[in-house]
Protein backbone atom coordinates (compact mmCIF):
# COMPACT_ATOMS: atom_id res chain seq x y z
CA UNK A 1 187.71 -23.35 -110.97
CA UNK A 2 189.93 -25.20 -108.65
CA UNK A 3 189.17 -25.90 -104.92
CA UNK A 4 191.78 -25.18 -102.47
CA UNK A 5 191.64 -27.63 -99.64
CA UNK A 6 193.14 -26.08 -96.46
CA UNK A 7 194.10 -28.29 -93.51
CA UNK A 8 192.14 -28.08 -90.30
CA UNK A 9 195.12 -28.46 -88.27
CA UNK A 10 195.83 -25.63 -85.67
CA UNK A 11 198.13 -22.95 -87.11
CA UNK A 12 201.56 -22.57 -85.73
CA UNK A 13 201.90 -19.96 -83.11
CA UNK A 14 205.10 -17.93 -82.40
CA UNK A 15 205.66 -18.16 -78.63
CA UNK A 16 208.56 -15.81 -78.76
CA UNK A 17 208.66 -12.34 -77.15
CA UNK A 18 207.16 -11.02 -80.22
CA UNK A 19 203.99 -13.02 -80.14
CA UNK A 20 200.73 -11.34 -79.55
CA UNK A 21 199.94 -13.74 -76.84
CA UNK A 22 202.94 -12.65 -74.80
CA UNK A 23 201.91 -8.98 -75.04
CA UNK A 24 199.99 -7.33 -72.24
CA UNK A 25 197.34 -5.51 -74.23
CA UNK A 26 194.58 -3.82 -72.05
CA UNK A 27 192.08 -1.15 -72.61
CA UNK A 28 192.47 -1.26 -76.49
CA UNK A 29 190.22 -0.29 -79.26
CA UNK A 30 190.42 -1.79 -82.56
CA UNK A 31 189.57 -1.17 -86.14
CA UNK A 32 189.94 -3.49 -89.08
CA UNK A 33 192.14 -3.14 -92.00
CA UNK A 34 192.33 -5.09 -95.38
CA UNK A 35 195.58 -6.50 -96.40
CA UNK A 36 195.83 -8.44 -99.62
CA UNK A 37 196.72 -12.05 -99.25
CA UNK A 38 199.18 -12.08 -101.86
CA UNK A 39 201.41 -9.36 -100.13
CA UNK A 40 201.17 -11.40 -96.95
CA UNK A 41 202.39 -14.63 -98.82
CA UNK A 42 205.39 -12.71 -100.14
CA UNK A 43 206.57 -11.76 -96.78
CA UNK A 44 205.88 -14.89 -94.69
CA UNK A 45 205.26 -18.63 -95.23
CA UNK A 46 201.77 -19.74 -95.82
CA UNK A 47 199.58 -19.99 -92.79
CA UNK A 48 197.68 -23.08 -91.87
CA UNK A 49 194.18 -22.13 -90.72
CA UNK A 50 192.19 -23.96 -88.10
CA UNK A 51 188.93 -23.25 -90.18
CA UNK A 52 188.10 -23.89 -93.90
CA UNK A 53 188.15 -21.08 -96.10
CA UNK A 54 186.51 -21.11 -99.45
CA UNK A 55 188.87 -19.15 -101.52
CA UNK A 56 187.73 -18.88 -105.31
CA UNK A 57 190.51 -17.77 -107.61
CA UNK A 58 189.53 -14.64 -109.37
CA UNK A 59 186.39 -14.10 -107.36
CA UNK A 60 185.65 -10.61 -106.36
CA UNK A 61 184.59 -11.70 -102.92
CA UNK A 62 186.89 -11.86 -99.84
CA UNK A 63 189.09 -14.45 -101.56
CA UNK A 64 191.80 -12.05 -102.14
CA UNK A 65 191.80 -10.38 -98.85
CA UNK A 66 192.57 -11.29 -95.36
CA UNK A 67 190.89 -9.45 -92.48
CA UNK A 68 193.54 -8.39 -89.95
CA UNK A 69 192.74 -6.50 -86.81
CA UNK A 70 194.87 -3.47 -86.00
CA UNK A 71 195.05 -2.47 -82.27
CA UNK A 72 195.56 0.97 -80.77
CA UNK A 73 196.95 1.45 -77.27
CA UNK A 74 195.00 4.15 -75.52
CA UNK A 75 197.02 6.36 -73.21
CA UNK A 76 195.11 8.43 -70.55
CA UNK A 77 196.03 12.13 -70.52
CA UNK A 78 197.39 13.16 -67.09
CA UNK A 79 194.74 14.94 -65.13
CA UNK A 80 195.54 18.30 -63.58
CA UNK A 81 195.20 18.85 -59.86
CA UNK A 82 193.52 22.13 -59.11
CA UNK A 83 194.38 22.11 -55.63
CA UNK A 84 198.21 21.65 -56.42
CA UNK A 85 198.02 24.53 -58.90
CA UNK A 86 196.36 26.85 -56.47
CA UNK A 87 199.02 25.90 -53.86
CA UNK A 88 201.79 26.82 -56.21
CA UNK A 89 200.24 30.13 -57.00
CA UNK A 90 199.84 31.03 -53.32
CA UNK A 91 203.36 30.03 -52.72
CA UNK A 92 204.61 32.21 -55.54
CA UNK A 93 202.67 35.14 -54.25
CA UNK A 94 203.87 34.74 -50.61
CA UNK A 95 207.53 34.61 -51.69
CA UNK A 96 206.94 37.75 -53.79
CA UNK A 97 205.43 39.53 -50.85
CA UNK A 98 207.93 38.68 -48.25
CA UNK A 99 210.54 41.25 -49.48
CA UNK A 100 207.85 43.98 -49.47
CA UNK A 101 206.64 43.13 -46.06
CA UNK A 102 210.27 43.24 -44.77
CA UNK A 103 210.85 46.65 -46.37
CA UNK A 104 207.60 47.88 -44.82
CA UNK A 105 208.57 46.82 -41.34
CA UNK A 106 211.97 48.41 -41.49
CA UNK A 107 210.20 51.71 -42.79
CA UNK A 108 208.24 51.90 -39.54
CA UNK A 109 209.50 54.68 -37.41
CA UNK A 110 208.39 54.93 -33.66
CA UNK A 111 209.19 57.56 -31.09
CA UNK A 112 210.21 56.02 -27.73
CA UNK A 113 209.63 58.75 -25.25
CA UNK A 114 208.71 62.44 -25.34
CA UNK A 115 211.29 64.82 -24.28
CA UNK A 116 209.19 66.55 -21.69
CA UNK A 117 211.91 69.11 -20.87
CA UNK A 118 212.23 70.39 -24.44
CA UNK A 119 208.32 70.29 -24.80
CA UNK A 120 207.89 72.44 -21.61
CA UNK A 121 210.49 75.01 -22.71
CA UNK A 122 208.98 75.16 -26.29
CA UNK A 123 205.55 75.70 -25.16
CA UNK A 124 206.52 78.31 -22.46
CA UNK A 125 208.27 80.40 -25.10
CA UNK A 126 205.67 80.21 -27.94
CA UNK A 127 202.36 79.57 -26.22
CA UNK A 128 201.17 82.77 -24.51
CA UNK A 129 198.80 83.16 -21.68
CA UNK A 130 198.53 79.45 -20.93
CA UNK A 131 200.94 78.68 -18.20
CA UNK A 132 198.45 76.64 -16.26
CA UNK A 133 197.40 74.58 -19.35
CA UNK A 134 201.18 73.83 -20.04
CA UNK A 135 201.61 72.70 -16.50
CA UNK A 136 198.69 70.21 -16.71
CA UNK A 137 199.95 68.94 -20.05
CA UNK A 138 203.44 68.23 -18.79
CA UNK A 139 202.20 66.61 -15.44
CA UNK A 140 199.76 64.33 -17.32
CA UNK A 141 202.41 63.17 -19.80
CA UNK A 142 204.76 62.34 -16.83
CA UNK A 143 202.14 59.88 -15.36
CA UNK A 144 203.05 56.20 -15.83
CA UNK A 145 199.50 55.13 -16.65
CA UNK A 146 199.37 53.15 -19.80
CA UNK A 147 196.30 54.96 -21.13
CA UNK A 148 195.81 58.68 -20.88
CA UNK A 149 193.17 60.99 -22.19
CA UNK A 150 193.66 64.83 -22.13
CA UNK A 151 190.67 67.02 -23.05
CA UNK A 152 191.80 70.42 -24.37
CA UNK A 153 188.95 72.98 -24.10
CA UNK A 154 188.58 76.76 -24.61
CA UNK A 155 187.68 79.39 -26.98
CA UNK A 156 188.90 80.15 -30.50
CA UNK A 157 192.49 81.20 -31.05
CA UNK A 158 193.62 80.64 -27.42
CA UNK A 159 196.32 77.92 -28.39
CA UNK A 160 194.71 74.55 -28.13
CA UNK A 161 195.61 73.38 -31.65
CA UNK A 162 198.95 75.32 -31.48
CA UNK A 163 199.83 73.36 -28.40
CA UNK A 164 199.03 70.06 -30.21
CA UNK A 165 201.33 71.25 -33.02
CA UNK A 166 204.17 71.89 -30.72
CA UNK A 167 203.71 68.38 -29.27
CA UNK A 168 203.74 66.95 -32.81
CA UNK A 169 206.89 68.86 -33.73
CA UNK A 170 208.52 67.42 -30.64
CA UNK A 171 207.95 63.72 -31.34
CA UNK A 172 208.47 64.23 -35.04
CA UNK A 173 206.93 62.34 -38.05
CA UNK A 174 206.45 58.87 -36.91
CA UNK A 175 204.29 55.77 -37.49
CA UNK A 176 202.81 55.78 -34.05
CA UNK A 177 201.46 59.40 -34.29
CA UNK A 178 197.89 59.98 -35.54
CA UNK A 179 196.13 63.28 -36.09
CA UNK A 180 192.46 63.37 -37.11
CA UNK A 181 189.88 66.22 -37.51
CA UNK A 182 186.06 66.35 -37.31
CA UNK A 183 183.61 65.59 -38.74
CA UNK A 184 185.04 62.88 -41.02
CA UNK A 185 186.68 60.96 -38.15
CA UNK A 186 183.57 59.30 -37.13
CA UNK A 187 182.65 57.72 -40.46
CA UNK A 188 186.19 56.84 -41.54
CA UNK A 189 188.14 55.82 -38.45
CA UNK A 190 189.33 52.25 -37.89
CA UNK A 191 191.96 50.62 -35.83
CA UNK A 192 192.52 47.80 -38.47
CA UNK A 193 195.35 49.69 -40.45
CA UNK A 194 197.03 51.32 -37.37
CA UNK A 195 200.44 49.68 -37.80
CA UNK A 196 202.27 52.09 -35.33
CA UNK A 197 199.78 51.24 -32.63
CA UNK A 198 200.58 47.51 -33.20
CA UNK A 199 204.43 47.73 -33.61
CA UNK A 200 205.41 50.53 -31.34
CA UNK A 201 205.74 50.89 -27.61
CA UNK A 202 203.92 54.27 -27.43
CA UNK A 203 201.28 56.03 -29.62
CA UNK A 204 200.08 59.53 -29.72
CA UNK A 205 196.50 60.27 -30.97
CA UNK A 206 195.02 63.67 -31.66
CA UNK A 207 191.46 64.55 -32.55
CA UNK A 208 190.71 68.21 -33.36
CA UNK A 209 187.88 70.50 -34.19
CA UNK A 210 185.49 68.96 -31.83
CA UNK A 211 182.42 70.80 -30.34
CA UNK A 212 180.49 70.25 -27.18
CA UNK A 213 177.96 68.37 -29.27
CA UNK A 214 180.46 65.69 -30.56
CA UNK A 215 179.98 63.22 -27.73
CA UNK A 216 179.26 60.51 -30.36
CA UNK A 217 182.97 59.66 -30.44
CA UNK A 218 182.84 57.61 -27.35
CA UNK A 219 182.70 54.22 -29.20
CA UNK A 220 185.78 55.08 -31.43
CA UNK A 221 187.84 56.13 -28.57
CA UNK A 222 186.90 53.09 -26.60
CA UNK A 223 187.92 50.87 -29.38
CA UNK A 224 191.12 52.64 -29.62
CA UNK A 225 191.97 52.40 -25.94
CA UNK A 226 190.90 48.73 -25.73
CA UNK A 227 193.03 47.65 -28.61
CA UNK A 228 196.05 49.46 -27.13
CA UNK A 229 195.45 47.73 -23.75
CA UNK A 230 195.10 44.30 -25.45
CA UNK A 231 198.39 44.88 -26.99
CA UNK A 232 199.95 46.06 -23.83
CA UNK A 233 200.84 49.39 -25.41
CA UNK A 234 201.06 52.89 -24.05
CA UNK A 235 198.82 55.56 -25.60
CA UNK A 236 198.02 59.28 -24.99
CA UNK A 237 194.85 60.53 -26.52
CA UNK A 238 194.20 64.36 -26.96
CA UNK A 239 190.60 65.60 -27.71
CA UNK A 240 190.49 69.26 -28.76
CA UNK A 241 187.07 70.87 -27.92
CA UNK A 242 186.22 74.37 -29.21
CA UNK A 243 183.80 75.78 -26.62
CA UNK A 244 183.13 79.12 -28.38
CA UNK A 245 181.69 79.63 -31.82
CA UNK A 246 182.67 82.48 -34.05
CA UNK A 247 179.86 84.83 -33.27
CA UNK A 248 179.51 88.16 -31.37
CA UNK A 249 178.44 86.26 -28.32
CA UNK A 250 179.53 83.08 -26.86
CA UNK A 251 176.90 80.50 -27.67
CA UNK A 252 178.49 77.55 -26.02
CA UNK A 253 180.88 77.18 -23.13
CA UNK A 254 182.95 74.31 -21.74
CA UNK A 255 181.67 74.71 -18.24
CA UNK A 256 181.40 72.29 -15.36
CA UNK A 257 178.18 70.77 -16.61
CA UNK A 258 179.77 69.94 -20.03
CA UNK A 259 182.80 68.33 -18.22
CA UNK A 260 180.51 66.25 -16.11
CA UNK A 261 178.54 65.08 -19.02
CA UNK A 262 181.75 64.03 -20.86
CA UNK A 263 183.16 62.14 -18.01
CA UNK A 264 179.70 60.30 -17.76
CA UNK A 265 179.99 59.45 -21.40
CA UNK A 266 183.53 58.11 -21.15
CA UNK A 267 182.87 56.28 -17.95
CA UNK A 268 183.28 52.90 -19.74
CA UNK A 269 186.70 53.87 -21.14
CA UNK A 270 189.45 52.55 -18.92
CA UNK A 271 191.86 55.46 -18.86
CA UNK A 272 192.98 58.32 -16.77
CA UNK A 273 191.19 61.56 -17.93
CA UNK A 274 192.54 65.02 -17.56
CA UNK A 275 190.88 68.44 -18.58
CA UNK A 276 193.25 71.06 -19.94
CA UNK A 277 191.40 74.35 -19.70
CA UNK A 278 192.83 77.21 -21.98
CA UNK A 279 192.09 80.73 -20.77
CA UNK A 280 190.88 83.56 -23.04
CA UNK A 281 193.63 85.89 -24.31
CA UNK A 282 193.97 89.80 -23.91
CA UNK A 283 195.64 92.44 -25.92
CA UNK A 284 198.87 91.92 -24.37
CA UNK A 285 198.93 88.31 -25.30
CA UNK A 286 197.74 89.26 -28.94
CA UNK A 287 200.91 91.65 -29.18
CA UNK A 288 203.17 88.74 -28.28
CA UNK A 289 201.67 86.63 -31.00
CA UNK A 290 202.15 89.42 -33.44
CA UNK A 291 205.79 90.02 -32.26
CA UNK A 292 206.44 86.20 -32.75
CA UNK A 293 205.12 86.44 -36.30
CA UNK A 294 207.15 89.49 -37.40
CA UNK A 295 210.23 87.95 -35.64
CA UNK A 296 213.26 90.32 -35.95
CA UNK A 297 211.38 93.27 -37.51
CA UNK A 298 210.67 96.01 -34.98
CA UNK A 299 207.42 97.73 -34.99
CA UNK A 300 206.62 101.24 -33.61
CA UNK A 301 203.80 101.82 -31.08
CA UNK A 302 201.71 103.55 -33.96
CA UNK A 303 202.34 100.46 -36.21
CA UNK A 304 201.12 98.21 -33.35
CA UNK A 305 198.02 100.25 -32.72
CA UNK A 306 197.12 100.16 -36.49
CA UNK A 307 197.60 96.34 -36.73
CA UNK A 308 195.56 95.72 -33.48
CA UNK A 309 192.68 97.46 -35.02
CA UNK A 310 192.33 94.54 -37.49
CA UNK A 311 191.98 91.91 -34.69
CA UNK A 312 189.25 90.99 -32.22
CA UNK A 313 191.21 89.22 -29.52
CA UNK A 314 188.08 88.56 -27.60
CA UNK A 315 186.48 86.46 -30.53
CA UNK A 316 189.65 85.36 -32.38
CA UNK A 317 192.48 85.25 -29.85
CA UNK A 318 195.62 84.83 -31.96
CA UNK A 319 193.87 82.81 -34.53
CA UNK A 320 194.64 84.20 -38.04
CA UNK A 321 197.57 86.29 -37.07
CA UNK A 322 199.74 84.97 -39.75
CA UNK A 323 197.27 85.34 -42.62
CA UNK A 324 196.30 88.86 -41.51
CA UNK A 325 199.97 89.93 -41.23
CA UNK A 326 200.63 88.72 -44.73
CA UNK A 327 197.53 90.55 -46.00
CA UNK A 328 198.83 93.84 -44.33
CA UNK A 329 202.26 93.27 -45.99
CA UNK A 330 203.77 93.32 -42.61
CA UNK A 331 205.49 89.85 -43.03
C-alpha cells in the first residue's frame, strides 16, 4: 500500500462573495452528509489540507469519503397578534351594524304635540256621562309642566280605558307611546329599551288594570319619571285604577282615603299629580252606548227594552256592549 503524503500548508480559501466566510449565517442547525472524495475531485481541483489524513487506498474506512457539513437556515414563523385579530373583527362588526342602526333611527316615529281640540271633541261625542273627567284630562294635558301623572279612577265600564283608547288614537302609533297592563308590568318593566323616551321630545305612558292594592308600582313610575327628567324630556303618565270589583256589591271604592294614601306613596316622585274621577253610568248613558254600537240601525222602544234586560249598568256600565250586541245578532 502506498502512503499519500499531504502537505501541512493551509488550504486555499476563496475570499470571493461565494465564500462561506463572507456569508452571514446565524441561528443554523446542521447535519452531516457523506460525499465521495472521487466525485469532489472530478469537480474541483485537489484541496490542500492543514492536517494530515491517512488515506489508505481500497480501505473500507473513511479513506473514500470526506465529511462535509450541510447547513440549514431556520426561518421563524410569523407570530399572530390576537389583539390585532380581535380589533379587525370588531371593526367589521361595527361597519356592518352602522347601516342597521341608521335604518332603525330613521324608523323611529314621534308625536310632537297632542291636538287637544280634536281630543276634546272626540271624547265629548263618544264618552258618555263623563263631562267632568274630560275637562280635567284636557286641562292637565294643557299644563306646561314637564312631568305629569293622571290617575283615572272609577267603576267597571264607566269609560276609563275607553278614554285612554281615544287618546291613543289621537296621537297614533308612535315610538314614544307605551301601553302596559297589570300584573305583568311589575316584573317585566324596564326603561333600558325605551328608545322613544330617549329620542323623542314627548312621551305618553299608560298603565291599565290597576286596583287599589297595586301601590307597589311606585318604584317603576319613579324610575320612569327620573329618567325622563334626566334626559330633559316631557312625559305624561296615566294610571288607570278600577275601584269596583265585578260582584253584587262594591267591595272597594276609590274614596278620599285611597287618594291620600296614593299621594303619600308617590310623594318622592317629582311630577304634578291629578285625579280624574269617572262617575257611575245610568240607563240613559247605556242607551247612548248601545246607539253608538248599532250606528245607523234604528231600534224601536221595545227592542231597546229587550236589549237593556241583558245588561246591568250598575255593575258593568257600558262594558261588554259590543260582545253582547254581537251575541244578540243586533250588530
